[in-house]
C-alpha atoms as a PDB file:
ATOM      1  CA  MET A   1      30.490  20.853  17.103  1.00  0.00           C
ATOM      2  CA  LYS A   2      29.039  18.653  14.401  1.00  0.00           C
ATOM      3  CA  VAL A   3      25.482  18.100  13.274  1.00  0.00           C
ATOM      4  CA  LYS A   4      24.450  14.476  13.761  1.00  0.00           C
ATOM      5  CA  ASN A   5      21.205  12.593  13.273  1.00  0.00           C
ATOM      6  CA  LYS A   6      19.138   9.848  14.888  1.00  0.00           C
ATOM      7  CA  PHE A   7      18.218   7.911  11.737  1.00  0.00           C
ATOM      8  CA  LEU A   8      19.379   4.547  13.110  1.00  0.00           C
ATOM      9  CA  GLU A   9      17.339   4.992  16.290  1.00  0.00           C
ATOM     10  CA  ILE A  10      14.274   6.104  14.311  1.00  0.00           C
ATOM     11  CA  ARG A  11      14.599   3.229  11.818  1.00  0.00           C
ATOM     12  CA  LEU A  12      14.714   0.635  14.591  1.00  0.00           C
ATOM     13  CA  GLN A  13      11.871   2.256  16.552  1.00  0.00           C
ATOM     14  CA  MET A  14       9.724   2.103  13.418  1.00  0.00           C
ATOM     15  CA  GLY A  15      10.429  -1.627  13.072  1.00  0.00           C
ATOM     16  CA  TYR A  16      12.660  -1.547  10.003  1.00  0.00           C
ATOM     17  CA  LYS A  17      15.444  -4.121  10.353  1.00  0.00           C
ATOM     18  CA  PHE A  18      17.121  -3.298   7.066  1.00  0.00           C
ATOM     19  CA  GLN A  19      18.460  -0.006   5.766  1.00  0.00           C
ATOM     20  CA  LYS A  20      17.271  -0.887   2.270  1.00  0.00           C
ATOM     21  CA  ASP A  21      13.620  -1.049   3.349  1.00  0.00           C
ATOM     22  CA  PHE A  22      13.776   2.168   5.370  1.00  0.00           C
ATOM     23  CA  ALA A  23      15.607   3.985   2.571  1.00  0.00           C
ATOM     24  CA  GLU A  24      12.879   2.910   0.145  1.00  0.00           C
ATOM     25  CA  PHE A  25      10.195   4.155   2.569  1.00  0.00           C
ATOM     26  CA  LEU A  26      11.971   7.533   2.705  1.00  0.00           C
ATOM     27  CA  GLY A  27      12.438   7.676  -1.069  1.00  0.00           C
ATOM     28  CA  LEU A  28      16.234   7.522  -0.868  1.00  0.00           C
ATOM     29  CA  SER A  29      18.816   5.183  -2.338  1.00  0.00           C
ATOM     30  CA  GLN A  30      20.286   2.673   0.092  1.00  0.00           C
ATOM     31  CA  TYR A  31      23.753   4.156  -0.482  1.00  0.00           C
ATOM     32  CA  GLN A  32      22.559   7.677   0.281  1.00  0.00           C
ATOM     33  CA  TYR A  33      20.642   6.582   3.380  1.00  0.00           C
ATOM     34  CA  ASN A  34      23.595   4.515   4.637  1.00  0.00           C
ATOM     35  CA  ARG A  35      25.835   7.587   4.557  1.00  0.00           C
ATOM     36  CA  TYR A  36      23.236   9.577   6.495  1.00  0.00           C
ATOM     37  CA  GLU A  37      22.735   6.847   9.097  1.00  0.00           C
ATOM     38  CA  ARG A  38      26.482   6.585   9.707  1.00  0.00           C
ATOM     39  CA  ASN A  39      26.666  10.391   9.966  1.00  0.00           C
ATOM     40  CA  GLU A  40      29.161  10.552   7.106  1.00  0.00           C
ATOM     41  CA  ARG A  41      26.901  13.117   5.436  1.00  0.00           C
ATOM     42  CA  GLN A  42      23.789  15.039   6.347  1.00  0.00           C
ATOM     43  CA  PRO A  43      20.841  15.512   3.994  1.00  0.00           C
ATOM     44  CA  SER A  44      20.267  18.847   2.313  1.00  0.00           C
ATOM     45  CA  LEU A  45      17.517  21.087   3.635  1.00  0.00           C
ATOM     46  CA  GLU A  46      15.291  20.017   0.734  1.00  0.00           C
ATOM     47  CA  VAL A  47      15.789  16.303   1.491  1.00  0.00           C
ATOM     48  CA  THR A  48      15.329  16.945   5.222  1.00  0.00           C
ATOM     49  CA  LEU A  49      12.008  18.699   4.685  1.00  0.00           C
ATOM     50  CA  ASP A  50      10.855  15.902   2.373  1.00  0.00           C
ATOM     51  CA  ILE A  51      11.830  13.188   4.886  1.00  0.00           C
ATOM     52  CA  CYS A  52      10.155  15.044   7.752  1.00  0.00           C
ATOM     53  CA  GLY A  53       6.962  15.594   5.758  1.00  0.00           C
ATOM     54  CA  THR A  54       3.617  14.073   6.590  1.00  0.00           C
ATOM     55  CA  ASN A  55       3.947  11.305   3.984  1.00  0.00           C
ATOM     56  CA  LYS A  56       7.107   9.975   5.582  1.00  0.00           C
ATOM     57  CA  LEU A  57       8.320  10.512   9.155  1.00  0.00           C
ATOM     58  CA  ASN A  58       5.957  13.324  10.151  1.00  0.00           C
ATOM     59  CA  MET A  59       8.599  14.618  12.567  1.00  0.00           C
ATOM     60  CA  ASP A  60      10.085  17.980  13.385  1.00  0.00           C
ATOM     61  CA  PRO A  61      13.689  18.150  12.082  1.00  0.00           C
ATOM     62  CA  ARG A  62      14.769  19.133  15.611  1.00  0.00           C
ATOM     63  CA  ASP A  63      13.720  15.637  16.737  1.00  0.00           C
ATOM     64  CA  ILE A  64      16.068  14.057  14.182  1.00  0.00           C
ATOM     65  CA  PHE A  65      19.165  16.262  14.219  1.00  0.00           C
ATOM     66  CA  TYR A  66      21.351  17.394  17.107  1.00  0.00           C
ATOM     67  CA  LEU A  67      24.725  19.000  17.776  1.00  0.00           C
ATOM     68  CA  ASP A  68      27.479  16.814  19.120  1.00  0.00           C
END
């Protein structure tokens, strides 16, 4: 089993066409975000909590990550 995420789905649902814009919204570099979106890497717990915080996605991490 691998941990995967739904960043692409979330980005498109929020109306962001470009990774660069969504990465900026999340406070990440485009390179870093791209690797997360393609599930090449997963963010650290610290980054996850920051992304899920009220100033950004305001989501429970369980709504973003899943086991595949």
